[in-house]
Amino acid sequence: MNIELLKKPKNPIIISGFPGFGLVGTIASEFLLDHLKCELIGRITDEGLPAMIAVHEGAIVEPIGIFYNSKYNIVIVHAVTGIQGLEWKISDAILDIADQLKAKEIISLEGIGSMNPSNDTKSYYYSSDPKRAEKLIESSSEKLKEGIVMGTTGIMILKAKKGLPVSVIFAETHSKLPDSKAAAKVIEVLDKYIGLKVDYNPLLKQAEKFEAKLKGLLSKGQQMMQEQEKKKLSYVG
């Protein structure tokens, strides 16, 4: 796993958004990149990642990009590519970045499956730090009492060094992938938690735009992977 950092801000909050339930983490972190003035300061690469890049509106979309907002001193790790099989290595990479930057906290944005038939989207939290847990309660989020935390988030909770708080904001996802409504709920809670002063009233409209963008990127990526698999089979045959 290769980490490239062009800039090393001191003591930031790291926010991670990876594909998962409802693509909530990816859409929510995309919100932040669009709303805040963020600069690309690095990337995470690995030979195990899909051999492709996406181009959107003439610009390259980093498969796993590292972005920085100086106003709020936050680093955003944003992924638009599948990471199956690389979760442990990527988690180690994020923890390595946190160590290099002496991060105050890692906040992971996640979706969680819901059996609740209500149209209301509920949010939940987990935090390894009691003081931050209290603040998340004040941000209108409920403690996750039962559940399974998978992927990079679960690994970071297990492997984080003592003194590095890891918090997670979950939103229930009711719909098929991707779920822009759940992503907007995550942003609402995050905004109250760290005070980004995001005007999240228009976020659902923005979410629909990002939803369409991500659908296109993921669909193209899947088609490419299928074509590569067909070529492999033709070589064998």
Protein backbone atom coordinates (compact mmCIF):
# COMPACT_ATOMS: atom_id res chain seq x y z
CA MET A 1 0.00 0.00 0.00
CA ASN A 2 1.55 3.32 -1.10
CA ILE A 3 0.74 6.60 0.67
CA GLU A 4 1.61 9.81 -1.15
CA LEU A 5 1.30 12.99 0.92
CA LEU A 6 2.23 16.31 -0.70
CA LYS A 7 1.37 18.29 2.42
CA LYS A 8 1.29 17.33 6.11
CA PRO A 9 -1.09 19.52 8.12
CA LYS A 10 -0.68 19.27 11.89
CA ASN A 11 -3.30 17.84 14.27
CA PRO A 12 -6.24 17.60 11.84
CA ILE A 13 -9.46 15.65 12.18
CA ILE A 14 -9.46 12.85 9.59
CA ILE A 15 -12.80 12.04 7.95
CA SER A 16 -13.03 8.84 5.93
CA GLY A 17 -15.70 7.99 3.37
CA PHE A 18 -15.55 4.61 1.65
CA PRO A 19 -18.08 2.60 -0.38
CA GLY A 20 -20.30 0.59 1.95
CA PHE A 21 -24.01 0.29 2.73
CA GLY A 22 -25.81 2.70 0.39
CA LEU A 23 -22.47 4.25 -0.62
CA VAL A 24 -23.21 6.62 2.25
CA GLY A 25 -19.56 7.28 3.13
CA THR A 26 -18.58 8.02 -0.46
CA ILE A 27 -21.54 10.35 -1.11
CA ALA A 28 -21.20 12.16 2.23
CA SER A 29 -17.48 12.79 1.79
CA GLU A 30 -18.18 13.97 -1.76
CA PHE A 31 -20.58 16.51 -0.21
CA LEU A 32 -17.75 17.87 1.87
CA LEU A 33 -15.39 18.13 -1.07
CA ASP A 34 -18.02 20.07 -3.01
CA HIS A 35 -19.12 22.34 -0.16
CA LEU A 36 -15.75 23.13 1.41
CA LYS A 37 -12.65 24.51 -0.27
CA CYS A 38 -10.52 21.39 -0.32
CA GLU A 39 -7.20 20.76 -2.03
CA LEU A 40 -5.85 17.41 -3.12
CA ILE A 41 -2.82 16.70 -0.93
CA GLY A 42 -2.27 13.03 -1.63
CA ARG A 43 -3.53 9.61 -2.61
CA ILE A 44 -3.50 5.98 -1.57
CA THR A 45 -2.58 3.46 -4.25
CA ASP A 46 -2.08 -0.28 -4.41
CA GLU A 47 -1.61 -2.84 -7.18
CA GLY A 48 -4.61 -4.70 -5.79
CA LEU A 49 -6.99 -1.85 -6.65
CA PRO A 50 -8.94 -2.06 -9.95
CA ALA A 51 -6.64 -1.03 -12.83
CA MET A 52 -8.73 1.97 -13.89
CA ILE A 53 -9.29 5.66 -13.31
CA ALA A 54 -12.46 7.68 -13.85
CA VAL A 55 -12.69 11.00 -15.67
CA HIS A 56 -15.56 13.35 -14.76
CA GLU A 57 -16.15 16.68 -16.49
CA GLY A 58 -12.63 16.56 -17.92
CA ALA A 59 -10.91 15.91 -14.57
CA ILE A 60 -9.47 12.72 -13.12
CA VAL A 61 -11.32 11.32 -10.11
CA GLU A 62 -8.82 9.89 -7.64
CA PRO A 63 -9.74 6.28 -6.73
CA ILE A 64 -8.66 7.02 -3.13
CA GLY A 65 -7.86 10.70 -2.74
CA ILE A 66 -6.62 12.60 0.31
CA PHE A 67 -7.97 16.16 0.58
CA TYR A 68 -7.42 19.04 3.00
CA ASN A 69 -9.52 21.97 4.19
CA SER A 70 -7.41 24.53 6.05
CA LYS A 71 -10.33 26.52 7.50
CA TYR A 72 -11.53 23.62 9.66
CA ASN A 73 -8.22 21.70 9.63
CA ILE A 74 -9.81 18.51 8.33
CA VAL A 75 -8.32 15.82 6.11
CA ILE A 76 -10.82 13.86 4.02
CA VAL A 77 -9.99 10.40 2.69
CA HIS A 78 -12.46 9.87 -0.14
CA ALA A 79 -12.86 6.66 -2.18
CA VAL A 80 -14.91 5.95 -5.30
CA THR A 81 -13.44 2.54 -6.06
CA GLY A 82 -14.17 -0.90 -4.70
CA ILE A 83 -11.67 -2.02 -2.03
CA GLN A 84 -12.71 -5.64 -1.46
CA GLY A 85 -9.79 -7.67 -0.16
CA LEU A 86 -7.75 -4.57 0.74
CA GLU A 87 -9.64 -3.44 3.83
CA TRP A 88 -6.84 -4.33 6.28
CA LYS A 89 -4.13 -2.63 4.23
CA ILE A 90 -6.20 0.52 3.65
CA SER A 91 -7.11 0.73 7.32
CA ASP A 92 -3.42 0.51 8.19
CA ALA A 93 -2.74 3.27 5.64
CA ILE A 94 -5.31 5.60 7.22
CA LEU A 95 -3.94 4.89 10.70
CA ASP A 96 -0.44 5.57 9.35
CA ILE A 97 -1.63 8.94 7.98
CA ALA A 98 -3.21 9.72 11.35
CA ASP A 99 0.09 8.93 13.05
CA GLN A 100 2.12 11.06 10.62
CA LEU A 101 -0.19 14.05 11.04
CA LYS A 102 -0.76 13.57 14.79
CA ALA A 103 -4.50 13.56 14.10
CA LYS A 104 -6.94 14.56 16.85
CA GLU A 105 -9.58 12.06 15.79
CA ILE A 106 -10.72 9.79 12.97
CA ILE A 107 -14.39 10.12 12.01
CA SER A 108 -15.79 7.46 9.70
CA LEU A 109 -19.01 8.05 7.75
CA GLU A 110 -21.11 4.92 7.21
CA GLY A 111 -24.48 3.57 6.17
CA ILE A 112 -26.25 0.89 8.17
CA GLY A 113 -29.01 -1.40 6.97
CA SER A 114 -32.48 -0.74 8.37
CA MET A 115 -35.54 -2.89 8.87
CA ASN A 116 -37.52 0.15 9.96
CA PRO A 117 -40.39 0.76 7.47
CA SER A 118 -40.59 4.44 8.44
CA ASN A 119 -39.48 7.07 5.94
CA ASP A 120 -37.53 8.82 8.70
CA THR A 121 -33.78 8.28 8.50
CA LYS A 122 -32.26 7.65 11.91
CA SER A 123 -28.62 8.20 12.78
CA TYR A 124 -26.41 6.32 15.20
CA TYR A 125 -22.91 6.76 16.56
CA TYR A 126 -20.01 4.88 18.03
CA SER A 127 -17.00 6.54 19.68
CA SER A 128 -14.03 5.13 21.52
CA ASP A 129 -13.91 8.34 23.58
CA PRO A 130 -16.63 9.05 26.21
CA LYS A 131 -16.42 12.85 25.85
CA ARG A 132 -16.89 12.65 22.09
CA ALA A 133 -19.74 10.20 22.63
CA GLU A 134 -21.53 12.81 24.74
CA LYS A 135 -21.08 15.37 21.99
CA LEU A 136 -22.48 12.96 19.41
CA ILE A 137 -25.59 12.49 21.57
CA GLU A 138 -26.00 16.28 21.55
CA SER A 139 -25.79 16.10 17.75
CA SER A 140 -29.12 14.18 17.69
CA SER A 141 -27.58 10.77 17.21
CA GLU A 142 -28.32 7.54 19.11
CA LYS A 143 -25.71 5.15 20.42
CA LEU A 144 -25.32 2.00 18.33
CA LYS A 145 -26.05 -0.71 20.89
CA GLU A 146 -26.24 -3.75 18.61
CA GLY A 147 -24.76 -4.28 15.18
CA ILE A 148 -21.82 -5.37 13.07
CA VAL A 149 -19.26 -2.82 11.87
CA MET A 150 -17.50 -4.12 8.77
CA GLY A 151 -14.72 -2.98 6.46
CA THR A 152 -12.14 -0.29 7.11
CA THR A 153 -14.17 1.29 9.92
CA GLY A 154 -14.31 -1.87 12.00
CA ILE A 155 -10.61 -2.50 11.51
CA MET A 156 -9.65 1.04 12.50
CA ILE A 157 -11.69 0.72 15.70
CA LEU A 158 -9.77 -2.48 16.53
CA LYS A 159 -6.30 -1.26 15.59
CA ALA A 160 -6.26 2.42 16.58
CA LYS A 161 -3.48 3.25 18.99
CA LYS A 162 -4.28 4.39 22.50
CA GLY A 163 -4.96 8.11 22.53
CA LEU A 164 -6.38 8.25 19.00
CA PRO A 165 -10.20 8.53 19.23
CA VAL A 166 -12.16 6.79 16.47
CA SER A 167 -15.78 7.86 16.02
CA VAL A 168 -18.37 6.64 13.54
CA ILE A 169 -21.54 8.33 12.31
CA PHE A 170 -24.05 5.88 10.82
CA ALA A 171 -27.27 6.62 8.97
CA GLU A 172 -29.98 4.09 8.19
CA THR A 173 -30.25 3.25 4.54
CA HIS A 174 -33.65 2.15 3.24
CA SER A 175 -33.14 2.24 -0.49
CA LYS A 176 -31.06 0.53 -3.13
CA LEU A 177 -27.55 1.74 -3.75
CA PRO A 178 -26.72 4.59 -3.53
CA ASP A 179 -28.73 6.28 -0.76
CA SER A 180 -28.44 10.05 -0.95
CA LYS A 181 -30.98 10.66 1.83
CA ALA A 182 -28.90 8.69 4.33
CA ALA A 183 -25.78 10.56 3.20
CA ALA A 184 -27.52 13.88 3.85
CA LYS A 185 -28.42 12.67 7.37
CA VAL A 186 -24.78 11.83 8.07
CA ILE A 187 -23.75 15.31 6.95
CA GLU A 188 -26.38 16.87 9.21
CA VAL A 189 -25.02 15.03 12.27
CA LEU A 190 -21.38 15.69 11.31
CA ASP A 191 -22.15 19.39 10.90
CA LYS A 192 -23.57 19.60 14.42
CA TYR A 193 -20.71 17.52 15.81
CA ILE A 194 -17.72 19.49 14.52
CA GLY A 195 -19.37 22.77 13.55
CA LEU A 196 -18.75 22.97 9.80
CA LYS A 197 -21.69 25.38 9.37
CA VAL A 198 -22.92 23.48 6.34
CA ASP A 199 -26.18 24.69 4.83
CA TYR A 200 -27.62 21.21 4.48
CA ASN A 201 -31.11 22.25 3.30
CA PRO A 202 -30.10 21.88 -0.37
CA LEU A 203 -28.02 18.77 0.31
CA LEU A 204 -30.62 16.32 -0.94
CA LYS A 205 -30.60 17.99 -4.34
CA GLN A 206 -26.81 17.89 -4.33
CA ALA A 207 -26.94 14.28 -3.17
CA GLU A 208 -29.04 13.34 -6.17
CA LYS A 209 -26.40 14.89 -8.41
CA PHE A 210 -23.61 12.96 -6.69
CA GLU A 211 -25.77 9.84 -6.74
CA ALA A 212 -26.08 10.06 -10.53
CA LYS A 213 -22.34 10.72 -10.84
CA LEU A 214 -21.40 7.75 -8.66
CA LYS A 215 -23.85 5.47 -10.44
CA GLY A 216 -22.13 6.36 -13.70
CA LEU A 217 -18.62 5.88 -12.35
CA LEU A 218 -19.41 2.58 -10.64
CA SER A 219 -21.32 1.27 -13.66
CA LYS A 220 -18.41 2.07 -15.98
CA GLY A 221 -15.99 0.50 -13.55
CA GLN A 222 -18.05 -2.68 -13.34
CA GLN A 223 -18.28 -2.87 -17.13
CA MET A 224 -14.50 -2.48 -17.41
CA MET A 225 -13.87 -5.21 -14.84
CA GLN A 226 -16.26 -7.52 -16.70
CA GLU A 227 -14.47 -6.81 -19.98
CA GLN A 228 -11.12 -7.57 -18.35
CA GLU A 229 -12.51 -10.84 -17.01
CA LYS A 230 -13.78 -11.80 -20.50
CA LYS A 231 -10.31 -11.14 -21.93
CA LYS A 232 -8.72 -13.35 -19.28
CA LEU A 233 -11.14 -16.15 -20.09
CA SER A 234 -10.49 -15.78 -23.81
CA TYR A 235 -6.72 -16.11 -23.19
CA VAL A 236 -7.29 -19.27 -21.17
CA GLY A 237 -9.71 -20.70 -23.73
